[in-house]
Amino acid sequence: MRLFRKKPGIPYDPDTQEPAVRRSICTGEMTVGFLDRATGKFHDYMCVHTQAELDEFCRCLGVDSIRTIY
């Protein structure tokens, strides 16, 4: 059972936010979200379990690559 479900549409402002994935060094758990460009604060969006889910997140945003934060 997944704790997070995909939310309809991905509302974000490309001028003030940058898409990113936060990854745990210990467990490898991945959480996608957005970095606030002004403060550097990471805002969680959803937990992803596979590379396919990460690729789908990138496709929905229309980006080819995404920054990884450890």
C-alpha atoms as a PDB file:
ATOM      1  CA  MET A   1       0.000   0.000   0.000  1.00  0.00           C
ATOM      2  CA  ARG A   2       1.370   3.399  -0.925  1.00  0.00           C
ATOM      3  CA  LEU A   3       1.200   6.208   1.575  1.00  0.00           C
ATOM      4  CA  PHE A   4       1.119   8.943  -1.048  1.00  0.00           C
ATOM      5  CA  ARG A   5      -1.043   9.009  -4.130  1.00  0.00           C
ATOM      6  CA  LYS A   6      -0.509  11.086  -7.228  1.00  0.00           C
ATOM      7  CA  LYS A   7      -2.283  14.390  -6.987  1.00  0.00           C
ATOM      8  CA  PRO A   8      -4.136  15.737 -10.025  1.00  0.00           C
ATOM      9  CA  GLY A   9      -1.969  18.276 -11.823  1.00  0.00           C
ATOM     10  CA  ILE A  10       1.299  19.505 -10.423  1.00  0.00           C
ATOM     11  CA  PRO A  11       0.969  23.155  -9.462  1.00  0.00           C
ATOM     12  CA  TYR A  12       4.308  24.911  -9.191  1.00  0.00           C
ATOM     13  CA  ASP A  13       5.873  28.174 -10.293  1.00  0.00           C
ATOM     14  CA  PRO A  14       9.028  27.603 -12.390  1.00  0.00           C
ATOM     15  CA  ASP A  15      10.141  31.177 -11.658  1.00  0.00           C
ATOM     16  CA  THR A  16      10.283  30.648  -7.888  1.00  0.00           C
ATOM     17  CA  GLN A  17      10.570  26.859  -7.540  1.00  0.00           C
ATOM     18  CA  GLU A  18      12.887  24.176  -8.911  1.00  0.00           C
ATOM     19  CA  PRO A  19      11.801  20.512  -9.139  1.00  0.00           C
ATOM     20  CA  ALA A  20      14.064  18.181  -7.166  1.00  0.00           C
ATOM     21  CA  VAL A  21      14.258  14.708  -5.676  1.00  0.00           C
ATOM     22  CA  ARG A  22      15.443  14.229  -2.105  1.00  0.00           C
ATOM     23  CA  ARG A  23      17.064  10.833  -1.625  1.00  0.00           C
ATOM     24  CA  SER A  24      18.097   9.128   1.608  1.00  0.00           C
ATOM     25  CA  ILE A  25      21.709   7.977   1.721  1.00  0.00           C
ATOM     26  CA  CYS A  26      20.834   5.140   4.113  1.00  0.00           C
ATOM     27  CA  THR A  27      17.632   3.695   2.690  1.00  0.00           C
ATOM     28  CA  GLY A  28      17.498   5.104  -0.836  1.00  0.00           C
ATOM     29  CA  GLU A  29      13.970   6.410  -0.234  1.00  0.00           C
ATOM     30  CA  MET A  30      13.045   9.099  -2.774  1.00  0.00           C
ATOM     31  CA  THR A  31      10.729  12.056  -2.256  1.00  0.00           C
ATOM     32  CA  VAL A  32      10.024  14.440  -5.103  1.00  0.00           C
ATOM     33  CA  GLY A  33       9.146  18.042  -4.501  1.00  0.00           C
ATOM     34  CA  PHE A  34      10.235  21.585  -5.124  1.00  0.00           C
ATOM     35  CA  LEU A  35      13.087  23.757  -3.914  1.00  0.00           C
ATOM     36  CA  ASP A  36      12.209  27.349  -3.154  1.00  0.00           C
ATOM     37  CA  ARG A  37      14.774  29.354  -5.131  1.00  0.00           C
ATOM     38  CA  ALA A  38      14.791  32.218  -2.600  1.00  0.00           C
ATOM     39  CA  THR A  39      15.119  30.245   0.638  1.00  0.00           C
ATOM     40  CA  GLY A  40      16.422  26.847  -0.511  1.00  0.00           C
ATOM     41  CA  LYS A  41      13.670  25.112   1.480  1.00  0.00           C
ATOM     42  CA  PHE A  42      12.463  21.768   0.071  1.00  0.00           C
ATOM     43  CA  HIS A  43       8.685  21.277  -0.146  1.00  0.00           C
ATOM     44  CA  ASP A  44       7.642  17.598  -0.326  1.00  0.00           C
ATOM     45  CA  TYR A  45       5.198  16.636  -3.047  1.00  0.00           C
ATOM     46  CA  MET A  46       5.102  12.822  -3.022  1.00  0.00           C
ATOM     47  CA  CYS A  47       7.162   9.734  -2.291  1.00  0.00           C
ATOM     48  CA  VAL A  48       8.313   7.748  -5.329  1.00  0.00           C
ATOM     49  CA  HIS A  49       9.277   4.083  -5.206  1.00  0.00           C
ATOM     50  CA  THR A  50      10.564   3.364  -8.701  1.00  0.00           C
ATOM     51  CA  GLN A  51      12.489   5.044 -11.483  1.00  0.00           C
ATOM     52  CA  ALA A  52       9.326   4.833 -13.607  1.00  0.00           C
ATOM     53  CA  GLU A  53       7.439   6.978 -11.076  1.00  0.00           C
ATOM     54  CA  LEU A  54      10.289   9.500 -11.063  1.00  0.00           C
ATOM     55  CA  ASP A  55      10.249   9.563 -14.876  1.00  0.00           C
ATOM     56  CA  GLU A  56       6.475  10.137 -14.824  1.00  0.00           C
ATOM     57  CA  PHE A  57       6.930  13.072 -12.408  1.00  0.00           C
ATOM     58  CA  CYS A  58       9.507  14.610 -14.772  1.00  0.00           C
ATOM     59  CA  ARG A  59       7.236  14.009 -17.771  1.00  0.00           C
ATOM     60  CA  CYS A  60       4.314  15.746 -16.039  1.00  0.00           C
ATOM     61  CA  LEU A  61       6.518  18.758 -15.373  1.00  0.00           C
ATOM     62  CA  GLY A  62       7.983  18.751 -18.872  1.00  0.00           C
ATOM     63  CA  VAL A  63      11.614  18.492 -17.700  1.00  0.00           C
ATOM     64  CA  ASP A  64      14.335  16.131 -18.900  1.00  0.00           C
ATOM     65  CA  SER A  65      16.464  16.054 -15.765  1.00  0.00           C
ATOM     66  CA  ILE A  66      15.906  16.735 -12.107  1.00  0.00           C
ATOM     67  CA  ARG A  67      18.261  17.781  -9.315  1.00  0.00           C
ATOM     68  CA  THR A  68      19.032  15.198  -6.603  1.00  0.00           C
ATOM     69  CA  ILE A  69      19.553  16.255  -2.996  1.00  0.00           C
ATOM     70  CA  TYR A  70      21.051  13.869  -0.424  1.00  0.00           C
END
